[in-house]
C-alpha atoms as a PDB file:
ATOM      1  CA  UNK A   1      50.422 127.375 151.105  1.00  0.00           C
ATOM      2  CA  UNK A   2      50.431 123.630 151.253  1.00  0.00           C
ATOM      3  CA  UNK A   3      54.374 123.563 150.298  1.00  0.00           C
ATOM      4  CA  UNK A   4      55.176 125.880 153.247  1.00  0.00           C
ATOM      5  CA  UNK A   5      53.207 123.544 155.606  1.00  0.00           C
ATOM      6  CA  UNK A   6      54.937 120.505 154.183  1.00  0.00           C
ATOM      7  CA  UNK A   7      58.419 121.958 154.699  1.00  0.00           C
ATOM      8  CA  UNK A   8      57.565 123.054 158.358  1.00  0.00           C
ATOM      9  CA  UNK A   9      56.114 119.614 159.197  1.00  0.00           C
ATOM     10  CA  UNK A  10      59.171 117.562 157.750  1.00  0.00           C
ATOM     11  CA  UNK A  11      61.547 120.084 159.559  1.00  0.00           C
ATOM     12  CA  UNK A  12      59.945 119.693 162.598  1.00  0.00           C
ATOM     13  CA  UNK A  13      59.907 115.795 162.287  1.00  0.00           C
ATOM     14  CA  UNK A  14      63.517 115.969 161.421  1.00  0.00           C
ATOM     15  CA  UNK A  15      64.389 118.048 164.591  1.00  0.00           C
ATOM     16  CA  UNK A  16      62.728 115.756 166.843  1.00  0.00           C
ATOM     17  CA  UNK A  17      64.027 112.434 165.242  1.00  0.00           C
ATOM     18  CA  UNK A  18      67.674 114.053 165.533  1.00  0.00           C
ATOM     19  CA  UNK A  19      66.840 114.897 169.224  1.00  0.00           C
ATOM     20  CA  UNK A  20      65.618 111.380 169.954  1.00  0.00           C
ATOM     21  CA  UNK A  21      68.820 109.768 168.242  1.00  0.00           C
ATOM     22  CA  UNK A  22      70.977 112.152 170.265  1.00  0.00           C
ATOM     23  CA  UNK A  23      69.348 111.096 173.798  1.00  0.00           C
ATOM     24  CA  UNK A  24      69.012 107.453 172.695  1.00  0.00           C
ATOM     25  CA  UNK A  25      70.788 104.807 175.200  1.00  0.00           C
ATOM     26  CA  UNK A  26      72.519 103.427 172.093  1.00  0.00           C
ATOM     27  CA  UNK A  27      74.148 106.920 171.224  1.00  0.00           C
ATOM     28  CA  UNK A  28      75.624 107.215 174.840  1.00  0.00           C
ATOM     29  CA  UNK A  29      77.878 104.181 174.527  1.00  0.00           C
ATOM     30  CA  UNK A  30      80.881 104.605 172.297  1.00  0.00           C
ATOM     31  CA  UNK A  31      80.786 102.844 168.726  1.00  0.00           C
ATOM     32  CA  UNK A  32      84.497 102.633 167.752  1.00  0.00           C
ATOM     33  CA  UNK A  33      83.376 101.223 164.355  1.00  0.00           C
ATOM     34  CA  UNK A  34      81.460 104.552 163.686  1.00  0.00           C
ATOM     35  CA  UNK A  35      84.428 106.660 164.176  1.00  0.00           C
ATOM     36  CA  UNK A  36      86.500 104.434 161.662  1.00  0.00           C
ATOM     37  CA  UNK A  37      84.089 104.947 158.954  1.00  0.00           C
ATOM     38  CA  UNK A  38      83.916 108.854 158.932  1.00  0.00           C
ATOM     39  CA  UNK A  39      84.517 109.178 155.203  1.00  0.00           C
ATOM     40  CA  UNK A  40      81.551 106.703 154.405  1.00  0.00           C
ATOM     41  CA  UNK A  41      79.328 108.240 156.815  1.00  0.00           C
ATOM     42  CA  UNK A  42      79.976 111.907 155.358  1.00  0.00           C
ATOM     43  CA  UNK A  43      79.519 110.561 151.936  1.00  0.00           C
ATOM     44  CA  UNK A  44      76.125 109.062 152.921  1.00  0.00           C
ATOM     45  CA  UNK A  45      74.932 111.863 154.733  1.00  0.00           C
ATOM     46  CA  UNK A  46      75.770 114.222 151.844  1.00  0.00           C
ATOM     47  CA  UNK A  47      74.034 112.213 149.357  1.00  0.00           C
ATOM     48  CA  UNK A  48      70.879 112.227 151.568  1.00  0.00           C
ATOM     49  CA  UNK A  49      71.054 115.898 151.941  1.00  0.00           C
ATOM     50  CA  UNK A  50      71.528 116.373 147.969  1.00  0.00           C
ATOM     51  CA  UNK A  51      68.616 114.036 147.389  1.00  0.00           C
ATOM     52  CA  UNK A  52      66.205 116.033 149.916  1.00  0.00           C
ATOM     53  CA  UNK A  53      67.408 119.452 148.448  1.00  0.00           C
ATOM     54  CA  UNK A  54      66.874 118.113 144.767  1.00  0.00           C
ATOM     55  CA  UNK A  55      63.345 116.734 145.724  1.00  0.00           C
ATOM     56  CA  UNK A  56      62.759 119.955 147.383  1.00  0.00           C
ATOM     57  CA  UNK A  57      63.587 121.978 144.519  1.00  0.00           C
ATOM     58  CA  UNK A  58      61.488 119.813 142.171  1.00  0.00           C
ATOM     59  CA  UNK A  59      58.309 119.939 144.260  1.00  0.00           C
ATOM     60  CA  UNK A  60      58.840 123.837 144.510  1.00  0.00           C
ATOM     61  CA  UNK A  61      59.119 124.185 140.950  1.00  0.00           C
ATOM     62  CA  UNK A  62      56.103 122.002 140.279  1.00  0.00           C
ATOM     63  CA  UNK A  63      53.898 123.972 142.643  1.00  0.00           C
ATOM     64  CA  UNK A  64      55.070 127.406 141.386  1.00  0.00           C
ATOM     65  CA  UNK A  65      54.391 126.679 137.791  1.00  0.00           C
ATOM     66  CA  UNK A  66      51.009 125.432 138.536  1.00  0.00           C
END
């Protein structure tokens, strides 16, 4: 039960953080440097998602085996 609550809390925090970044003042101004580094940005984001998925699977396995 704890793992479900943890996943829901993390998802809510991620959603709120994404929303706050989306409406931030800095996000409303164009950053040409960001658009030039698309491959690097996608790579960093993909690595972050892979790490998050691996951590979730490891935690889930640890909880389900106990």
